[in-house]
C-alpha atoms as a PDB file:
ATOM      1  CA  MET A   1       3.734   7.857 -11.623  1.00  0.00           C
ATOM      2  CA  LEU A   2       3.170  10.981  -9.487  1.00  0.00           C
ATOM      3  CA  ARG A   3       3.918  13.682 -12.166  1.00  0.00           C
ATOM      4  CA  GLY A   4       0.705  15.022 -13.005  1.00  0.00           C
ATOM      5  CA  LYS A   5      -2.088  16.706 -10.978  1.00  0.00           C
ATOM      6  CA  LYS A   6      -4.290  13.654 -11.223  1.00  0.00           C
ATOM      7  CA  GLU A   7      -1.696  11.352  -9.772  1.00  0.00           C
ATOM      8  CA  LEU A   8      -0.782  13.840  -6.969  1.00  0.00           C
ATOM      9  CA  LYS A   9      -4.569  14.147  -6.107  1.00  0.00           C
ATOM     10  CA  LEU A  10      -5.006  10.538  -5.864  1.00  0.00           C
ATOM     11  CA  PHE A  11      -1.823  10.275  -3.527  1.00  0.00           C
ATOM     12  CA  LEU A  12      -3.042  12.894  -1.228  1.00  0.00           C
ATOM     13  CA  LEU A  13      -6.670  11.659  -1.159  1.00  0.00           C
ATOM     14  CA  THR A  14      -5.219   8.409  -0.090  1.00  0.00           C
ATOM     15  CA  VAL A  15      -3.359   9.702   3.022  1.00  0.00           C
ATOM     16  CA  VAL A  16      -6.234  12.266   4.030  1.00  0.00           C
ATOM     17  CA  PHE A  17      -8.757   9.412   3.644  1.00  0.00           C
ATOM     18  CA  ALA A  18      -6.928   7.417   6.161  1.00  0.00           C
ATOM     19  CA  TRP A  19      -6.404  10.281   8.487  1.00  0.00           C
ATOM     20  CA  VAL A  20     -10.303  11.259   8.280  1.00  0.00           C
ATOM     21  CA  THR A  21     -11.372   7.638   8.899  1.00  0.00           C
ATOM     22  CA  LEU A  22      -8.979   7.148  11.738  1.00  0.00           C
ATOM     23  CA  THR A  23     -10.516   9.995  13.667  1.00  0.00           C
ATOM     24  CA  PHE A  24     -13.263   7.652  14.465  1.00  0.00           C
ATOM     25  CA  GLN A  25     -13.054   4.725  17.380  1.00  0.00           C
ATOM     26  CA  SER A  26     -12.541   1.527  15.325  1.00  0.00           C
ATOM     27  CA  CYS A  27     -13.886  -1.678  17.314  1.00  0.00           C
ATOM     28  CA  LEU A  28     -11.708  -4.707  16.362  1.00  0.00           C
ATOM     29  CA  ASP A  29     -13.139  -7.555  18.251  1.00  0.00           C
ATOM     30  CA  ASP A  30     -14.978 -10.408  16.791  1.00  0.00           C
ATOM     31  CA  ASP A  31     -17.542 -10.960  19.623  1.00  0.00           C
ATOM     32  CA  GLY A  32     -20.573 -10.606  17.481  1.00  0.00           C
ATOM     33  CA  TYR A  33     -21.327  -8.194  14.761  1.00  0.00           C
ATOM     34  CA  SER A  34     -22.993  -4.880  14.894  1.00  0.00           C
ATOM     35  CA  LEU A  35     -23.743  -2.230  12.280  1.00  0.00           C
ATOM     36  CA  GLY A  36     -21.867   0.039  14.597  1.00  0.00           C
ATOM     37  CA  LYS A  37     -18.715  -1.613  14.311  1.00  0.00           C
ATOM     38  CA  TYR A  38     -16.049  -1.342  11.620  1.00  0.00           C
ATOM     39  CA  TRP A  39     -12.701  -2.242  10.419  1.00  0.00           C
ATOM     40  CA  ILE A  40     -10.092  -0.213   8.535  1.00  0.00           C
ATOM     41  CA  GLU A  41      -7.502  -2.330   6.562  1.00  0.00           C
ATOM     42  CA  VAL A  42      -5.518  -2.274   3.190  1.00  0.00           C
ATOM     43  CA  ALA A  43      -7.108  -4.736   0.717  1.00  0.00           C
ATOM     44  CA  THR A  44      -6.908  -5.763  -2.835  1.00  0.00           C
ATOM     45  CA  ILE A  45      -9.678  -5.551  -5.516  1.00  0.00           C
ATOM     46  CA  GLU A  46     -10.508  -8.745  -7.345  1.00  0.00           C
ATOM     47  CA  SER A  47     -12.638  -8.713 -10.223  1.00  0.00           C
ATOM     48  CA  LEU A  48     -15.199 -11.417 -11.251  1.00  0.00           C
ATOM     49  CA  GLU A  49     -17.350 -11.890 -14.316  1.00  0.00           C
ATOM     50  CA  ASN A  50     -20.371  -9.279 -14.983  1.00  0.00           C
ATOM     51  CA  ASN A  51     -18.172  -6.496 -13.635  1.00  0.00           C
ATOM     52  CA  ALA A  52     -18.544  -7.777 -10.110  1.00  0.00           C
ATOM     53  CA  HIS A  53     -15.630  -7.420  -7.487  1.00  0.00           C
ATOM     54  CA  PHE A  54     -14.932  -8.559  -4.110  1.00  0.00           C
ATOM     55  CA  PHE A  55     -12.189  -7.653  -1.671  1.00  0.00           C
ATOM     56  CA  ARG A  56      -8.999  -9.596  -0.573  1.00  0.00           C
ATOM     57  CA  LEU A  57      -7.353  -8.752   2.887  1.00  0.00           C
ATOM     58  CA  ASP A  58      -3.603  -9.318   3.530  1.00  0.00           C
ATOM     59  CA  ASP A  59      -4.443 -12.426   5.605  1.00  0.00           C
ATOM     60  CA  GLY A  60      -6.195 -14.151   2.817  1.00  0.00           C
ATOM     61  CA  LYS A  61      -9.711 -13.376   4.095  1.00  0.00           C
ATOM     62  CA  SER A  62     -12.285 -12.542   1.140  1.00  0.00           C
ATOM     63  CA  LEU A  63     -14.944 -10.027   1.508  1.00  0.00           C
ATOM     64  CA  TRP A  64     -18.214  -9.849  -0.528  1.00  0.00           C
ATOM     65  CA  PRO A  65     -19.783  -6.328  -0.495  1.00  0.00           C
ATOM     66  CA  THR A  66     -23.476  -6.851  -0.233  1.00  0.00           C
ATOM     67  CA  ALA A  67     -24.131  -2.941   0.435  1.00  0.00           C
ATOM     68  CA  GLY A  68     -22.301   0.323   0.103  1.00  0.00           C
ATOM     69  CA  TYR A  69     -20.162  -0.507  -2.786  1.00  0.00           C
ATOM     70  CA  TYR A  70     -21.030   0.347  -6.519  1.00  0.00           C
ATOM     71  CA  THR A  71     -18.992  -0.430  -9.664  1.00  0.00           C
ATOM     72  CA  GLY A  72     -19.093   3.386 -10.267  1.00  0.00           C
ATOM     73  CA  HIS A  73     -15.884   3.491  -8.068  1.00  0.00           C
ATOM     74  CA  ASN A  74     -14.012   2.412 -11.298  1.00  0.00           C
ATOM     75  CA  LEU A  75     -11.205   0.600  -9.487  1.00  0.00           C
ATOM     76  CA  GLY A  76      -9.740  -2.156 -11.377  1.00  0.00           C
ATOM     77  CA  ASP A  77      -8.474  -5.653 -10.572  1.00  0.00           C
ATOM     78  CA  GLY A  78      -5.242  -5.717  -8.292  1.00  0.00           C
ATOM     79  CA  GLN A  79      -5.974  -2.153  -7.202  1.00  0.00           C
ATOM     80  CA  ARG A  80      -4.943  -1.651  -3.536  1.00  0.00           C
ATOM     81  CA  ILE A  81      -7.306   0.221  -1.404  1.00  0.00           C
ATOM     82  CA  TRP A  82      -8.012   1.565   2.027  1.00  0.00           C
ATOM     83  CA  LEU A  83     -11.163  -0.225   3.072  1.00  0.00           C
ATOM     84  CA  ASN A  84     -13.530   0.660   5.847  1.00  0.00           C
ATOM     85  CA  TYR A  85     -16.032  -2.053   6.292  1.00  0.00           C
ATOM     86  CA  THR A  86     -18.657  -3.506   8.623  1.00  0.00           C
ATOM     87  CA  ILE A  87     -19.069  -7.233   8.826  1.00  0.00           C
ATOM     88  CA  LEU A  88     -22.684  -8.543   8.221  1.00  0.00           C
ATOM     89  CA  SER A  89     -22.066 -12.276   8.389  1.00  0.00           C
ATOM     90  CA  ASP A  90     -19.601 -15.116   8.692  1.00  0.00           C
ATOM     91  CA  SER A  91     -18.607 -17.290   5.761  1.00  0.00           C
ATOM     92  CA  MET A  92     -20.953 -17.619   3.055  1.00  0.00           C
ATOM     93  CA  ASP A  93     -20.868 -18.763  -0.322  1.00  0.00           C
ATOM     94  CA  GLY A  94     -17.174 -19.153  -0.309  1.00  0.00           C
ATOM     95  CA  PHE A  95     -16.330 -15.819   0.930  1.00  0.00           C
ATOM     96  CA  SER A  96     -14.955 -15.340   4.608  1.00  0.00           C
ATOM     97  CA  HIS A  97     -17.544 -12.590   5.345  1.00  0.00           C
ATOM     98  CA  TYR A  98     -20.301 -10.550   3.654  1.00  0.00           C
ATOM     99  CA  VAL A  99     -19.686  -6.925   4.521  1.00  0.00           C
ATOM    100  CA  ARG A 100     -21.012  -3.350   4.161  1.00  0.00           C
ATOM    101  CA  VAL A 101     -18.666  -0.793   2.593  1.00  0.00           C
ATOM    102  CA  ASN A 102     -18.605   2.196   4.623  1.00  0.00           C
ATOM    103  CA  GLY A 103     -15.922   3.783   2.634  1.00  0.00           C
ATOM    104  CA  LEU A 104     -12.881   3.274   0.247  1.00  0.00           C
ATOM    105  CA  ASP A 105     -10.128   5.115  -1.461  1.00  0.00           C
ATOM    106  CA  PRO A 106      -7.378   3.936  -3.680  1.00  0.00           C
ATOM    107  CA  VAL A 107      -3.741   3.555  -2.713  1.00  0.00           C
ATOM    108  CA  LEU A 108      -1.167   4.085  -5.064  1.00  0.00           C
ATOM    109  CA  THR A 109      -0.549   0.712  -6.501  1.00  0.00           C
ATOM    110  CA  LYS A 110       2.543  -0.138  -8.890  1.00  0.00           C
ATOM    111  CA  GLY A 111       4.793  -2.675 -10.289  1.00  0.00           C
ATOM    112  CA  ILE A 112       8.677  -2.897 -10.368  1.00  0.00           C
ATOM    113  CA  ALA A 113       9.853   0.064 -12.422  1.00  0.00           C
ATOM    114  CA  ALA A 114      12.037  -0.464 -15.672  1.00  0.00           C
ATOM    115  CA  ASP A 115      15.685  -0.445 -15.100  1.00  0.00           C
ATOM    116  CA  LYS A 116      16.966   2.788 -17.105  1.00  0.00           C
ATOM    117  CA  GLY A 117      20.680   1.985 -16.431  1.00  0.00           C
ATOM    118  CA  GLU A 118      22.897   5.162 -15.856  1.00  0.00           C
ATOM    119  CA  GLU A 119      19.638   7.356 -16.097  1.00  0.00           C
ATOM    120  CA  ASN A 120      18.120   5.643 -12.982  1.00  0.00           C
ATOM    121  CA  ASP A 121      19.405   8.361 -10.601  1.00  0.00           C
ATOM    122  CA  VAL A 122      18.014  11.287 -12.837  1.00  0.00           C
ATOM    123  CA  ILE A 123      14.613   9.505 -13.665  1.00  0.00           C
ATOM    124  CA  TYR A 124      13.810   7.866 -10.294  1.00  0.00           C
ATOM    125  CA  GLY A 125      15.687  10.143  -7.947  1.00  0.00           C
ATOM    126  CA  THR A 126      17.863   9.637  -4.892  1.00  0.00           C
ATOM    127  CA  ASP A 127      15.889  11.711  -2.376  1.00  0.00           C
ATOM    128  CA  PRO A 128      15.721  10.575   1.016  1.00  0.00           C
ATOM    129  CA  VAL A 129      12.588   9.170   2.891  1.00  0.00           C
ATOM    130  CA  ASN A 130      12.067   7.550   6.318  1.00  0.00           C
ATOM    131  CA  ILE A 131      10.284   4.094   6.635  1.00  0.00           C
ATOM    132  CA  GLU A 132       7.736   3.932   9.320  1.00  0.00           C
ATOM    133  CA  ASN A 133       6.417   0.489   8.328  1.00  0.00           C
ATOM    134  CA  ILE A 134       7.175  -1.914   5.633  1.00  0.00           C
ATOM    135  CA  TRP A 135       5.534  -5.386   5.070  1.00  0.00           C
ATOM    136  CA  ILE A 136       4.430  -7.940   2.593  1.00  0.00           C
ATOM    137  CA  GLY A 137       0.673  -8.684   2.124  1.00  0.00           C
ATOM    138  CA  ASP A 138      -1.220 -10.495  -0.655  1.00  0.00           C
ATOM    139  CA  GLY A 139       1.854 -10.543  -3.016  1.00  0.00           C
ATOM    140  CA  TYR A 140       2.614  -6.847  -2.527  1.00  0.00           C
ATOM    141  CA  LEU A 141       5.300  -4.955  -0.822  1.00  0.00           C
ATOM    142  CA  ASN A 142       3.623  -2.372   1.101  1.00  0.00           C
ATOM    143  CA  VAL A 143       5.640   0.889   2.232  1.00  0.00           C
ATOM    144  CA  LEU A 144       4.463   3.440   4.663  1.00  0.00           C
ATOM    145  CA  PHE A 145       7.181   6.269   4.227  1.00  0.00           C
ATOM    146  CA  VAL A 146       7.731   9.857   5.340  1.00  0.00           C
ATOM    147  CA  PHE A 147       8.923  12.448   3.096  1.00  0.00           C
ATOM    148  CA  ASN A 148       9.451  16.211   2.710  1.00  0.00           C
ATOM    149  CA  TYR A 149       6.839  18.070   0.720  1.00  0.00           C
ATOM    150  CA  GLY A 150       6.958  21.559  -0.382  1.00  0.00           C
ATOM    151  CA  GLY A 151       3.725  21.829  -2.520  1.00  0.00           C
ATOM    152  CA  GLN A 152       5.512  23.112  -5.746  1.00  0.00           C
ATOM    153  CA  GLU A 153       6.206  19.683  -7.501  1.00  0.00           C
ATOM    154  CA  THR A 154       4.695  16.346  -7.545  1.00  0.00           C
ATOM    155  CA  HIS A 155       6.709  13.390  -6.310  1.00  0.00           C
ATOM    156  CA  PHE A 156       7.675  10.106  -7.971  1.00  0.00           C
ATOM    157  CA  VAL A 157       8.268   6.918  -6.025  1.00  0.00           C
ATOM    158  CA  ASN A 158       9.185   3.568  -7.399  1.00  0.00           C
ATOM    159  CA  LEU A 159      10.662   0.143  -6.599  1.00  0.00           C
ATOM    160  CA  LEU A 160      13.626  -1.056  -8.731  1.00  0.00           C
ATOM    161  CA  LYS A 161      15.797  -4.026  -8.855  1.00  0.00           C
ATOM    162  CA  ASP A 162      18.857  -3.338  -6.882  1.00  0.00           C
ATOM    163  CA  LYS A 163      21.804  -3.332  -9.180  1.00  0.00           C
ATOM    164  CA  LYS A 164      24.341  -3.148  -6.516  1.00  0.00           C
ATOM    165  CA  GLU A 165      23.370  -6.730  -5.178  1.00  0.00           C
ATOM    166  CA  GLU A 166      23.666 -10.003  -7.042  1.00  0.00           C
ATOM    167  CA  ASP A 167      20.772 -11.401  -5.097  1.00  0.00           C
ATOM    168  CA  LEU A 168      17.736 -11.940  -7.228  1.00  0.00           C
ATOM    169  CA  TYR A 169      15.508 -10.752  -4.382  1.00  0.00           C
ATOM    170  CA  SER A 170      17.172  -7.390  -3.618  1.00  0.00           C
ATOM    171  CA  VAL A 171      15.270  -4.253  -4.630  1.00  0.00           C
ATOM    172  CA  GLU A 172      15.622  -0.496  -3.886  1.00  0.00           C
ATOM    173  CA  PHE A 173      12.993   2.039  -3.063  1.00  0.00           C
ATOM    174  CA  ARG A 174      13.413   5.356  -4.859  1.00  0.00           C
ATOM    175  CA  HIS A 175      12.057   8.793  -4.457  1.00  0.00           C
ATOM    176  CA  ASN A 176      12.293  11.921  -6.594  1.00  0.00           C
ATOM    177  CA  ALA A 177      11.170  15.114  -5.163  1.00  0.00           C
ATOM    178  CA  TYR A 178      11.942  17.022  -8.152  1.00  0.00           C
ATOM    179  CA  ASN A 179      13.499  19.724  -6.061  1.00  0.00           C
ATOM    180  CA  ASP A 180      10.436  20.481  -4.233  1.00  0.00           C
ATOM    181  CA  PRO A 181      11.196  22.616  -1.158  1.00  0.00           C
ATOM    182  CA  ALA A 182      11.586  20.724   2.067  1.00  0.00           C
ATOM    183  CA  ARG A 183       8.900  22.461   3.907  1.00  0.00           C
ATOM    184  CA  THR A 184       6.738  19.826   5.551  1.00  0.00           C
ATOM    185  CA  GLY A 185       7.082  16.221   6.385  1.00  0.00           C
ATOM    186  CA  VAL A 186       4.328  14.146   5.395  1.00  0.00           C
ATOM    187  CA  ARG A 187       3.423  10.567   5.321  1.00  0.00           C
ATOM    188  CA  GLY A 188       2.539   8.448   2.229  1.00  0.00           C
ATOM    189  CA  ILE A 189       1.700   4.769   1.448  1.00  0.00           C
ATOM    190  CA  VAL A 190       2.468   3.011  -1.769  1.00  0.00           C
ATOM    191  CA  CYS A 191       2.031  -0.986  -2.773  1.00  0.00           C
ATOM    192  CA  PHE A 192       4.363  -2.703  -5.040  1.00  0.00           C
ATOM    193  CA  ASP A 193       3.009  -5.791  -6.941  1.00  0.00           C
ATOM    194  CA  LEU A 194       6.165  -8.334  -6.616  1.00  0.00           C
ATOM    195  CA  ARG A 195       5.055 -10.677  -9.352  1.00  0.00           C
ATOM    196  CA  ASP A 196       8.044  -9.652 -11.546  1.00  0.00           C
ATOM    197  CA  LEU A 197      10.364 -11.174  -9.172  1.00  0.00           C
ATOM    198  CA  PRO A 198      11.478 -14.711  -9.922  1.00  0.00           C
ATOM    199  CA  ASP A 199       9.522 -17.432  -8.308  1.00  0.00           C
ATOM    200  CA  THR A 200      10.863 -18.700  -5.148  1.00  0.00           C
ATOM    201  CA  GLU A 201       9.743 -22.388  -5.856  1.00  0.00           C
ATOM    202  CA  GLY A 202       8.236 -22.917  -2.647  1.00  0.00           C
ATOM    203  CA  GLU A 203      11.055 -21.609  -0.525  1.00  0.00           C
ATOM    204  CA  THR A 204      10.993 -18.810   1.798  1.00  0.00           C
ATOM    205  CA  VAL A 205      13.749 -16.204   0.994  1.00  0.00           C
ATOM    206  CA  LYS A 206      15.038 -12.865   2.337  1.00  0.00           C
ATOM    207  CA  LEU A 207      13.549 -10.071   0.142  1.00  0.00           C
ATOM    208  CA  LYS A 208      16.213  -7.063   0.773  1.00  0.00           C
ATOM    209  CA  ILE A 209      15.067  -3.574   0.196  1.00  0.00           C
ATOM    210  CA  ARG A 210      17.552  -0.894   0.166  1.00  0.00           C
ATOM    211  CA  VAL A 211      16.371   2.800   0.864  1.00  0.00           C
ATOM    212  CA  ASN A 212      18.103   6.079   1.154  1.00  0.00           C
ATOM    213  CA  THR A 213      16.879   7.416   4.584  1.00  0.00           C
ATOM    214  CA  PHE A 214      17.519  10.685   6.293  1.00  0.00           C
ATOM    215  CA  ASP A 215      19.928   8.907   8.450  1.00  0.00           C
ATOM    216  CA  GLY A 216      21.599   7.298   5.391  1.00  0.00           C
ATOM    217  CA  GLU A 217      21.324   4.109   3.556  1.00  0.00           C
ATOM    218  CA  LYS A 218      19.617   1.317   5.019  1.00  0.00           C
ATOM    219  CA  ILE A 219      18.514  -2.211   3.975  1.00  0.00           C
ATOM    220  CA  TYR A 220      15.293  -3.921   5.411  1.00  0.00           C
ATOM    221  CA  GLU A 221      14.831  -7.570   5.000  1.00  0.00           C
ATOM    222  CA  LEU A 222      11.483  -9.392   4.926  1.00  0.00           C
ATOM    223  CA  ASP A 223      10.516 -13.033   4.433  1.00  0.00           C
ATOM    224  CA  TYR A 224       9.300 -13.600   1.037  1.00  0.00           C
ATOM    225  CA  ASN A 225       7.748 -16.698  -0.426  1.00  0.00           C
ATOM    226  CA  SER A 226       5.834 -16.161  -4.001  1.00  0.00           C
ATOM    227  CA  ASP A 227       3.719 -19.346  -3.186  1.00  0.00           C
ATOM    228  CA  LYS A 228       2.238 -17.876  -0.189  1.00  0.00           C
ATOM    229  CA  ASN A 229       0.243 -14.961   0.921  1.00  0.00           C
ATOM    230  CA  PHE A 230       1.685 -13.127   4.001  1.00  0.00           C
ATOM    231  CA  PRO A 231      -0.526 -11.679   6.738  1.00  0.00           C
ATOM    232  CA  GLY A 232      -0.128  -8.141   6.492  1.00  0.00           C
ATOM    233  CA  LYS A 233       1.121  -6.363   9.833  1.00  0.00           C
ATOM    234  CA  LYS A 234      -1.660  -4.131  11.276  1.00  0.00           C
ATOM    235  CA  ILE A 235      -0.631  -0.546  11.330  1.00  0.00           C
ATOM    236  CA  LEU A 236      -3.699   0.947  12.112  1.00  0.00           C
ATOM    237  CA  THR A 237      -4.025   2.356  15.725  1.00  0.00           C
ATOM    238  CA  GLU A 238      -6.251   4.687  17.486  1.00  0.00           C
ATOM    239  CA  ASP A 239      -3.471   7.553  17.457  1.00  0.00           C
ATOM    240  CA  THR A 240      -2.056   6.723  13.875  1.00  0.00           C
ATOM    241  CA  VAL A 241      -2.010   9.799  11.747  1.00  0.00           C
ATOM    242  CA  TYR A 242      -1.267   9.591   8.089  1.00  0.00           C
ATOM    243  CA  PHE A 243      -1.164  13.250   6.993  1.00  0.00           C
ATOM    244  CA  GLU A 244       0.468  15.588   9.470  1.00  0.00           C
ATOM    245  CA  ARG A 245       3.462  17.833  10.163  1.00  0.00           C
ATOM    246  CA  VAL A 246       6.510  15.994  11.040  1.00  0.00           C
ATOM    247  CA  ASN A 247       9.106  18.661  11.635  1.00  0.00           C
END
């Protein structure tokens, strides 16, 4: 929830971190590993015994941090992050790579929100956003969106089950701006854990996401299979900016 100063700081730090790290050239080829090369991706933190953690990418690869990461980051199991890393080795000890962590920052990570019935519009809002990218990765629905921000109120974004559809795999993205003045367009990212959806029992179904956009209501459809991890669509390019004036 983005109602408090702490949550707003977390949200803005996330998009600012992505903007800062992307001002550097990222080298994405696998032709040998060098300490001068790095990758930037959305990843999930997974906890092990003795307070140890590793990172799981949306394509299923697992990364073991041998340098640059410490438990003082205080990020829990299942937390989504922007991860800037350098590959140090190929597969070792059951992990896809050993890596050096150059930087990381939390991404807003949430489950599917509770249905409040007739109060949904008041609580979760109906304010528009534009979707720049939406994909499923590692069991999460990941949404890169643009919204209007005035700096006077913190915003609230959520995923609800879509009551307009009888389909079990229909959800809706909600945004409550709390009457914040529409001064500046900014980009944000949020990841929603999909484990509350019914098991697809091995089948691939269409996940439908209803969104109130600046151009009206739209429905996005993605392939979803709860028994599989879907490779995340690469959204980082050399000219991508995640916190900028849109209008």
